[in-house]
Amino acid sequence: MISFAFCQDSSHVASQDLLKVTSAHLTMELNINPFRGDLSLNNALNQIKLRYFTTDNFAIRLGFNIDVKKKETTVTNPYGTNPFISNEDKKYTGIGINVGVEKHFAGTRRLSPYIGLEFALGTKFSNYATDDGTVKTKIDGAWRSTTLVNNTFVYGYEEKGFVKYGLNLLAGFDFYVAKNFFVGYEAALQFSNIEYADIDITTTGSSFPPDSPDSKETEVTVSPMLLNGIRIGYVF
């Protein structure tokens, strides 16, 4: 009886050890914020994140996303002495990819802490066009925004295009609630460089030359980064 009970316990411990992911398996993650009650993709970049474990303690990670937005607005005023129809088109396309590696440590039966390193690359293309029947304006590199200040319209720019590249030093953990299912969290120290696109404005039908901003804008960031919420993942 004693020998039989010991065998049962050993089998139970061995089955518990299999909660963690092992080599030649793939994981996928989502991100949940319990304080906001919403469900979103894995990180601030809305990336889909996959990991492939080449060994029990080493993984290759890949995050990628594509973000496309298009907005069309038509304003019509058929009344008064100056009737008009104005069309405004805005669109952008963003693409990002992160590639890296993770080293996992022994931890406990359910806890798998890790450190990692990843390279990040992203780009965004923005376009804007407006046509009021008389003047046509086309902008490459950003969307134009309009603000009324002291009864005067002031133009600004938003959703600027850019090229971004960087390096992230990672630290996090996976906690296996059940077989092939885990929760976790991740922090990073990020180094990033963003070079914003030149804004090119073309105007037809107007006697005034286009107001094209002539500037070069670069942004360099070194800062800690936390993902907004708790990672929830599963193993294929």
C-alpha atoms as a PDB file:
ATOM      1  CA  MET A   1       0.000   0.000   0.000  1.00  0.00           C
ATOM      2  CA  ILE A   2       2.775   2.376   0.872  1.00  0.00           C
ATOM      3  CA  SER A   3       4.594   1.622  -2.375  1.00  0.00           C
ATOM      4  CA  PHE A   4       1.382   2.084  -4.388  1.00  0.00           C
ATOM      5  CA  ALA A   5       0.660   5.465  -2.742  1.00  0.00           C
ATOM      6  CA  PHE A   6       4.200   6.623  -3.465  1.00  0.00           C
ATOM      7  CA  CYS A   7       3.820   5.742  -7.140  1.00  0.00           C
ATOM      8  CA  GLN A   8       0.565   7.659  -7.340  1.00  0.00           C
ATOM      9  CA  ASP A   9       2.196  10.749  -5.825  1.00  0.00           C
ATOM     10  CA  SER A  10       5.175  10.554  -8.179  1.00  0.00           C
ATOM     11  CA  SER A  11       2.840  10.310 -11.160  1.00  0.00           C
ATOM     12  CA  HIS A  12       0.892  13.312  -9.885  1.00  0.00           C
ATOM     13  CA  VAL A  13       4.065  15.408  -9.524  1.00  0.00           C
ATOM     14  CA  ALA A  14       5.215  14.432 -13.013  1.00  0.00           C
ATOM     15  CA  SER A  15       1.876  15.456 -14.513  1.00  0.00           C
ATOM     16  CA  GLN A  16       2.062  18.805 -12.708  1.00  0.00           C
ATOM     17  CA  ASP A  17       5.507  19.429 -14.215  1.00  0.00           C
ATOM     18  CA  LEU A  18       3.928  19.191 -17.671  1.00  0.00           C
ATOM     19  CA  LEU A  19       1.891  22.337 -17.047  1.00  0.00           C
ATOM     20  CA  LYS A  20       4.725  24.443 -18.476  1.00  0.00           C
ATOM     21  CA  VAL A  21       5.357  24.710 -22.186  1.00  0.00           C
ATOM     22  CA  THR A  22       8.011  22.389 -23.600  1.00  0.00           C
ATOM     23  CA  SER A  23      10.180  22.481 -26.704  1.00  0.00           C
ATOM     24  CA  ALA A  24       8.683  22.488 -30.207  1.00  0.00           C
ATOM     25  CA  HIS A  25       5.500  24.253 -29.028  1.00  0.00           C
ATOM     26  CA  LEU A  26       3.954  27.580 -30.034  1.00  0.00           C
ATOM     27  CA  THR A  27       2.224  30.098 -27.756  1.00  0.00           C
ATOM     28  CA  MET A  28      -0.086  33.024 -28.520  1.00  0.00           C
ATOM     29  CA  GLU A  29      -1.157  35.848 -26.191  1.00  0.00           C
ATOM     30  CA  LEU A  30      -3.825  38.457 -25.555  1.00  0.00           C
ATOM     31  CA  ASN A  31      -3.828  41.297 -23.056  1.00  0.00           C
ATOM     32  CA  ILE A  32      -6.598  42.094 -20.562  1.00  0.00           C
ATOM     33  CA  ASN A  33      -6.977  45.071 -18.247  1.00  0.00           C
ATOM     34  CA  PRO A  34      -9.261  44.122 -15.313  1.00  0.00           C
ATOM     35  CA  PHE A  35      -9.604  47.760 -14.262  1.00  0.00           C
ATOM     36  CA  ARG A  36     -11.047  48.795 -17.631  1.00  0.00           C
ATOM     37  CA  GLY A  37     -12.951  45.617 -18.425  1.00  0.00           C
ATOM     38  CA  ASP A  38     -11.754  45.413 -21.997  1.00  0.00           C
ATOM     39  CA  LEU A  39      -9.887  42.846 -24.036  1.00  0.00           C
ATOM     40  CA  SER A  40      -7.202  43.853 -26.483  1.00  0.00           C
ATOM     41  CA  LEU A  41      -4.148  42.506 -28.221  1.00  0.00           C
ATOM     42  CA  ASN A  42      -0.885  41.858 -26.472  1.00  0.00           C
ATOM     43  CA  ASN A  43       0.702  45.282 -26.093  1.00  0.00           C
ATOM     44  CA  ALA A  44       0.606  49.003 -26.657  1.00  0.00           C
ATOM     45  CA  LEU A  45       1.288  48.474 -30.356  1.00  0.00           C
ATOM     46  CA  ASN A  46      -1.703  46.120 -30.675  1.00  0.00           C
ATOM     47  CA  GLN A  47       0.565  43.379 -31.899  1.00  0.00           C
ATOM     48  CA  ILE A  48      -0.230  39.710 -32.239  1.00  0.00           C
ATOM     49  CA  LYS A  49       2.522  37.967 -30.293  1.00  0.00           C
ATOM     50  CA  LEU A  50       3.749  34.441 -30.972  1.00  0.00           C
ATOM     51  CA  ARG A  51       6.551  32.453 -29.318  1.00  0.00           C
ATOM     52  CA  TYR A  52       8.171  29.256 -30.501  1.00  0.00           C
ATOM     53  CA  PHE A  53      10.128  27.257 -27.915  1.00  0.00           C
ATOM     54  CA  THR A  54      13.202  25.694 -29.479  1.00  0.00           C
ATOM     55  CA  THR A  55      14.008  24.085 -26.093  1.00  0.00           C
ATOM     56  CA  ASP A  56      12.131  23.933 -22.789  1.00  0.00           C
ATOM     57  CA  ASN A  57      13.878  27.129 -21.632  1.00  0.00           C
ATOM     58  CA  PHE A  58      14.507  29.118 -24.817  1.00  0.00           C
ATOM     59  CA  ALA A  59      11.998  30.796 -27.133  1.00  0.00           C
ATOM     60  CA  ILE A  60      11.983  32.868 -30.300  1.00  0.00           C
ATOM     61  CA  ARG A  61       9.324  35.591 -30.200  1.00  0.00           C
ATOM     62  CA  LEU A  62       7.567  37.472 -32.975  1.00  0.00           C
ATOM     63  CA  GLY A  63       5.131  40.358 -32.656  1.00  0.00           C
ATOM     64  CA  PHE A  64       3.470  41.945 -35.662  1.00  0.00           C
ATOM     65  CA  ASN A  65       0.612  44.254 -36.502  1.00  0.00           C
ATOM     66  CA  ILE A  66      -0.988  46.161 -39.345  1.00  0.00           C
ATOM     67  CA  ASP A  67      -3.204  49.162 -38.697  1.00  0.00           C
ATOM     68  CA  VAL A  68      -5.234  50.685 -41.547  1.00  0.00           C
ATOM     69  CA  LYS A  69      -7.691  53.530 -41.132  1.00  0.00           C
ATOM     70  CA  LYS A  70      -9.665  55.435 -43.763  1.00  0.00           C
ATOM     71  CA  LYS A  71     -12.125  58.257 -43.118  1.00  0.00           C
ATOM     72  CA  GLU A  72     -14.210  60.084 -45.722  1.00  0.00           C
ATOM     73  CA  THR A  73     -16.277  63.177 -44.889  1.00  0.00           C
ATOM     74  CA  THR A  74     -18.639  65.106 -47.175  1.00  0.00           C
ATOM     75  CA  VAL A  75     -20.119  68.441 -46.108  1.00  0.00           C
ATOM     76  CA  THR A  76     -22.937  69.840 -48.261  1.00  0.00           C
ATOM     77  CA  ASN A  77     -24.587  73.269 -48.032  1.00  0.00           C
ATOM     78  CA  PRO A  78     -27.004  73.752 -50.965  1.00  0.00           C
ATOM     79  CA  TYR A  79     -28.529  76.909 -49.498  1.00  0.00           C
ATOM     80  CA  GLY A  80     -27.599  80.601 -49.528  1.00  0.00           C
ATOM     81  CA  THR A  81     -25.719  82.598 -52.081  1.00  0.00           C
ATOM     82  CA  ASN A  82     -22.626  80.374 -51.929  1.00  0.00           C
ATOM     83  CA  PRO A  83     -23.711  76.698 -51.998  1.00  0.00           C
ATOM     84  CA  PHE A  84     -20.861  74.219 -51.817  1.00  0.00           C
ATOM     85  CA  ILE A  85     -19.902  70.578 -51.456  1.00  0.00           C
ATOM     86  CA  SER A  86     -16.662  69.773 -49.633  1.00  0.00           C
ATOM     87  CA  ASN A  87     -15.020  66.347 -49.593  1.00  0.00           C
ATOM     88  CA  GLU A  88     -12.287  65.314 -47.178  1.00  0.00           C
ATOM     89  CA  ASP A  89     -10.394  61.986 -47.344  1.00  0.00           C
ATOM     90  CA  LYS A  90      -7.991  60.745 -44.684  1.00  0.00           C
ATOM     91  CA  LYS A  91      -6.125  57.468 -44.553  1.00  0.00           C
ATOM     92  CA  TYR A  92      -3.079  55.883 -43.002  1.00  0.00           C
ATOM     93  CA  THR A  93      -1.380  52.498 -42.929  1.00  0.00           C
ATOM     94  CA  GLY A  94       0.862  51.393 -40.089  1.00  0.00           C
ATOM     95  CA  ILE A  95       3.004  48.250 -40.009  1.00  0.00           C
ATOM     96  CA  GLY A  96       5.126  46.996 -37.120  1.00  0.00           C
ATOM     97  CA  ILE A  97       7.218  43.946 -36.340  1.00  0.00           C
ATOM     98  CA  ASN A  98       9.202  42.896 -33.257  1.00  0.00           C
ATOM     99  CA  VAL A  99      11.615  39.956 -33.333  1.00  0.00           C
ATOM    100  CA  GLY A 100      13.495  38.631 -30.323  1.00  0.00           C
ATOM    101  CA  VAL A 101      14.481  35.820 -27.985  1.00  0.00           C
ATOM    102  CA  GLU A 102      13.641  34.767 -24.425  1.00  0.00           C
ATOM    103  CA  LYS A 103      15.637  32.838 -21.833  1.00  0.00           C
ATOM    104  CA  HIS A 104      13.427  31.123 -19.236  1.00  0.00           C
ATOM    105  CA  PHE A 105      14.592  30.090 -15.779  1.00  0.00           C
ATOM    106  CA  ALA A 106      13.586  27.196 -13.534  1.00  0.00           C
ATOM    107  CA  GLY A 107      11.205  29.178 -11.323  1.00  0.00           C
ATOM    108  CA  THR A 108       8.678  26.840  -9.722  1.00  0.00           C
ATOM    109  CA  ARG A 109       6.317  24.165 -10.939  1.00  0.00           C
ATOM    110  CA  ARG A 110       3.952  26.830 -12.319  1.00  0.00           C
ATOM    111  CA  LEU A 111       6.094  29.973 -12.507  1.00  0.00           C
ATOM    112  CA  SER A 112       8.425  30.555 -15.466  1.00  0.00           C
ATOM    113  CA  PRO A 113      10.390  33.845 -15.156  1.00  0.00           C
ATOM    114  CA  TYR A 114      12.357  35.024 -18.190  1.00  0.00           C
ATOM    115  CA  ILE A 115      14.529  37.739 -19.640  1.00  0.00           C
ATOM    116  CA  GLY A 116      14.760  38.633 -23.286  1.00  0.00           C
ATOM    117  CA  LEU A 117      15.883  40.909 -26.063  1.00  0.00           C
ATOM    118  CA  GLU A 118      13.963  42.085 -29.124  1.00  0.00           C
ATOM    119  CA  PHE A 119      14.405  44.389 -32.094  1.00  0.00           C
ATOM    120  CA  ALA A 120      11.492  46.589 -33.141  1.00  0.00           C
ATOM    121  CA  LEU A 121      10.760  48.113 -36.532  1.00  0.00           C
ATOM    122  CA  GLY A 122       7.692  50.071 -37.606  1.00  0.00           C
ATOM    123  CA  THR A 123       6.483  52.500 -40.239  1.00  0.00           C
ATOM    124  CA  LYS A 124       3.411  54.578 -40.956  1.00  0.00           C
ATOM    125  CA  PHE A 125       2.164  56.212 -44.172  1.00  0.00           C
ATOM    126  CA  SER A 126      -0.391  59.024 -43.954  1.00  0.00           C
ATOM    127  CA  ASN A 127      -2.317  60.804 -46.720  1.00  0.00           C
ATOM    128  CA  TYR A 128      -4.879  63.596 -46.724  1.00  0.00           C
ATOM    129  CA  ALA A 129      -6.950  65.181 -49.487  1.00  0.00           C
ATOM    130  CA  THR A 130      -9.695  67.790 -49.625  1.00  0.00           C
ATOM    131  CA  ASP A 131     -11.767  69.235 -52.490  1.00  0.00           C
ATOM    132  CA  ASP A 132     -14.308  72.023 -52.064  1.00  0.00           C
ATOM    133  CA  GLY A 133     -15.083  72.318 -55.769  1.00  0.00           C
ATOM    134  CA  THR A 134     -12.680  75.197 -56.238  1.00  0.00           C
ATOM    135  CA  VAL A 135      -9.485  74.339 -54.415  1.00  0.00           C
ATOM    136  CA  LYS A 136      -7.966  70.867 -54.169  1.00  0.00           C
ATOM    137  CA  THR A 137      -5.334  70.084 -51.548  1.00  0.00           C
ATOM    138  CA  LYS A 138      -3.302  66.905 -51.251  1.00  0.00           C
ATOM    139  CA  ILE A 139      -0.959  66.197 -48.341  1.00  0.00           C
ATOM    140  CA  ASP A 140       1.499  63.321 -48.096  1.00  0.00           C
ATOM    141  CA  GLY A 141       3.000  62.527 -44.703  1.00  0.00           C
ATOM    142  CA  ALA A 142       0.256  63.657 -42.316  1.00  0.00           C
ATOM    143  CA  TRP A 143      -3.387  64.598 -41.797  1.00  0.00           C
ATOM    144  CA  ARG A 144      -4.307  68.257 -41.605  1.00  0.00           C
ATOM    145  CA  SER A 145      -6.256  69.414 -38.576  1.00  0.00           C
ATOM    146  CA  THR A 146      -8.110  72.712 -38.237  1.00  0.00           C
ATOM    147  CA  THR A 147      -8.594  74.693 -35.023  1.00  0.00           C
ATOM    148  CA  LEU A 148     -10.544  77.924 -34.628  1.00  0.00           C
ATOM    149  CA  VAL A 149      -8.494  80.478 -32.659  1.00  0.00           C
ATOM    150  CA  ASN A 150      -9.840  84.030 -32.240  1.00  0.00           C
ATOM    151  CA  ASN A 151     -12.182  83.545 -35.216  1.00  0.00           C
ATOM    152  CA  THR A 152      -9.239  82.429 -37.374  1.00  0.00           C
ATOM    153  CA  PHE A 153      -8.666  78.903 -38.641  1.00  0.00           C
ATOM    154  CA  VAL A 154      -5.228  77.597 -37.683  1.00  0.00           C
ATOM    155  CA  TYR A 155      -3.865  74.525 -39.443  1.00  0.00           C
ATOM    156  CA  GLY A 156      -1.978  71.778 -37.679  1.00  0.00           C
ATOM    157  CA  TYR A 157      -0.886  68.226 -38.474  1.00  0.00           C
ATOM    158  CA  GLU A 158      -1.711  64.885 -36.898  1.00  0.00           C
ATOM    159  CA  GLU A 159      -1.229  61.164 -37.602  1.00  0.00           C
ATOM    160  CA  LYS A 160       2.217  61.915 -38.981  1.00  0.00           C
ATOM    161  CA  GLY A 161       4.023  59.256 -40.970  1.00  0.00           C
ATOM    162  CA  PHE A 162       7.251  57.882 -39.542  1.00  0.00           C
ATOM    163  CA  VAL A 163       9.913  55.198 -39.545  1.00  0.00           C
ATOM    164  CA  LYS A 164      10.714  53.732 -36.135  1.00  0.00           C
ATOM    165  CA  TYR A 165      13.368  51.289 -35.003  1.00  0.00           C
ATOM    166  CA  GLY A 166      14.567  50.261 -31.570  1.00  0.00           C
ATOM    167  CA  LEU A 167      15.780  47.701 -29.070  1.00  0.00           C
ATOM    168  CA  ASN A 168      13.914  46.378 -26.007  1.00  0.00           C
ATOM    169  CA  LEU A 169      15.425  44.659 -22.963  1.00  0.00           C
ATOM    170  CA  LEU A 170      12.697  42.450 -21.473  1.00  0.00           C
ATOM    171  CA  ALA A 171      11.831  40.846 -18.144  1.00  0.00           C
ATOM    172  CA  GLY A 172       8.613  38.987 -17.367  1.00  0.00           C
ATOM    173  CA  PHE A 173       7.006  35.795 -16.182  1.00  0.00           C
ATOM    174  CA  ASP A 174       4.476  33.152 -17.185  1.00  0.00           C
ATOM    175  CA  PHE A 175       2.306  31.564 -14.488  1.00  0.00           C
ATOM    176  CA  TYR A 176       0.606  28.353 -15.623  1.00  0.00           C
ATOM    177  CA  VAL A 177      -2.919  28.168 -14.218  1.00  0.00           C
ATOM    178  CA  ALA A 178      -3.606  24.905 -16.039  1.00  0.00           C
ATOM    179  CA  LYS A 179      -1.978  22.782 -18.707  1.00  0.00           C
ATOM    180  CA  ASN A 180      -1.259  24.896 -21.800  1.00  0.00           C
ATOM    181  CA  PHE A 181      -2.834  28.005 -20.238  1.00  0.00           C
ATOM    182  CA  PHE A 182      -0.928  30.814 -18.493  1.00  0.00           C
ATOM    183  CA  VAL A 183      -1.138  34.403 -17.287  1.00  0.00           C
ATOM    184  CA  GLY A 184       1.754  36.783 -16.907  1.00  0.00           C
ATOM    185  CA  TYR A 185       3.225  40.256 -17.056  1.00  0.00           C
ATOM    186  CA  GLU A 186       6.127  41.905 -18.832  1.00  0.00           C
ATOM    187  CA  ALA A 187       8.240  45.037 -18.468  1.00  0.00           C
ATOM    188  CA  ALA A 188      10.895  46.425 -20.786  1.00  0.00           C
ATOM    189  CA  LEU A 189      13.597  49.020 -21.065  1.00  0.00           C
ATOM    190  CA  GLN A 190      13.185  50.452 -24.539  1.00  0.00           C
ATOM    191  CA  PHE A 191      15.573  52.329 -26.803  1.00  0.00           C
ATOM    192  CA  SER A 192      13.797  53.784 -29.823  1.00  0.00           C
ATOM    193  CA  ASN A 193      14.405  56.245 -32.632  1.00  0.00           C
ATOM    194  CA  ILE A 194      11.564  57.790 -34.648  1.00  0.00           C
ATOM    195  CA  GLU A 195      12.125  59.776 -37.834  1.00  0.00           C
ATOM    196  CA  TYR A 196       8.947  61.552 -38.898  1.00  0.00           C
ATOM    197  CA  ALA A 197       8.067  61.885 -42.571  1.00  0.00           C
ATOM    198  CA  ASP A 198       8.441  65.124 -44.515  1.00  0.00           C
ATOM    199  CA  ILE A 199       5.060  66.773 -45.110  1.00  0.00           C
ATOM    200  CA  ASP A 200       4.464  67.498 -48.787  1.00  0.00           C
ATOM    201  CA  ILE A 201       1.490  69.715 -49.729  1.00  0.00           C
ATOM    202  CA  THR A 202       0.122  70.175 -53.248  1.00  0.00           C
ATOM    203  CA  THR A 203      -2.641  72.696 -53.933  1.00  0.00           C
ATOM    204  CA  THR A 204      -4.445  73.349 -57.217  1.00  0.00           C
ATOM    205  CA  GLY A 205      -7.058  75.976 -58.026  1.00  0.00           C
ATOM    206  CA  SER A 206      -5.622  78.591 -55.659  1.00  0.00           C
ATOM    207  CA  SER A 207      -3.496  81.648 -56.328  1.00  0.00           C
ATOM    208  CA  PHE A 208      -1.718  81.157 -52.986  1.00  0.00           C
ATOM    209  CA  PRO A 209       1.267  78.784 -52.758  1.00  0.00           C
ATOM    210  CA  PRO A 210       0.825  75.819 -50.422  1.00  0.00           C
ATOM    211  CA  ASP A 211       2.073  76.208 -46.880  1.00  0.00           C
ATOM    212  CA  SER A 212       4.457  73.239 -46.661  1.00  0.00           C
ATOM    213  CA  PRO A 213       6.272  72.952 -43.344  1.00  0.00           C
ATOM    214  CA  ASP A 214      10.017  72.673 -43.925  1.00  0.00           C
ATOM    215  CA  SER A 215      11.276  70.757 -40.912  1.00  0.00           C
ATOM    216  CA  LYS A 216      12.996  67.527 -39.946  1.00  0.00           C
ATOM    217  CA  GLU A 217      11.680  65.913 -36.778  1.00  0.00           C
ATOM    218  CA  THR A 218      13.428  63.074 -34.948  1.00  0.00           C
ATOM    219  CA  GLU A 219      12.536  61.593 -31.584  1.00  0.00           C
ATOM    220  CA  VAL A 220      14.866  59.444 -29.464  1.00  0.00           C
ATOM    221  CA  THR A 221      13.503  57.643 -26.405  1.00  0.00           C
ATOM    222  CA  VAL A 222      15.146  55.678 -23.598  1.00  0.00           C
ATOM    223  CA  SER A 223      12.585  54.681 -20.985  1.00  0.00           C
ATOM    224  CA  PRO A 224      11.000  51.796 -19.080  1.00  0.00           C
ATOM    225  CA  MET A 225       7.781  50.409 -20.555  1.00  0.00           C
ATOM    226  CA  LEU A 226       4.977  48.377 -19.006  1.00  0.00           C
ATOM    227  CA  LEU A 227       2.315  46.561 -20.965  1.00  0.00           C
ATOM    228  CA  ASN A 228      -1.153  47.818 -20.175  1.00  0.00           C
ATOM    229  CA  GLY A 229      -2.690  44.820 -18.469  1.00  0.00           C
ATOM    230  CA  ILE A 230      -2.208  41.139 -17.766  1.00  0.00           C
ATOM    231  CA  ARG A 231      -0.978  38.732 -20.431  1.00  0.00           C
ATOM    232  CA  ILE A 232      -3.228  35.728 -21.089  1.00  0.00           C
ATOM    233  CA  GLY A 233      -1.779  33.013 -23.279  1.00  0.00           C
ATOM    234  CA  TYR A 234      -2.208  29.464 -24.443  1.00  0.00           C
ATOM    235  CA  VAL A 235       0.000  26.773 -25.941  1.00  0.00           C
ATOM    236  CA  PHE A 236      -0.616  25.045 -29.266  1.00  0.00           C
END
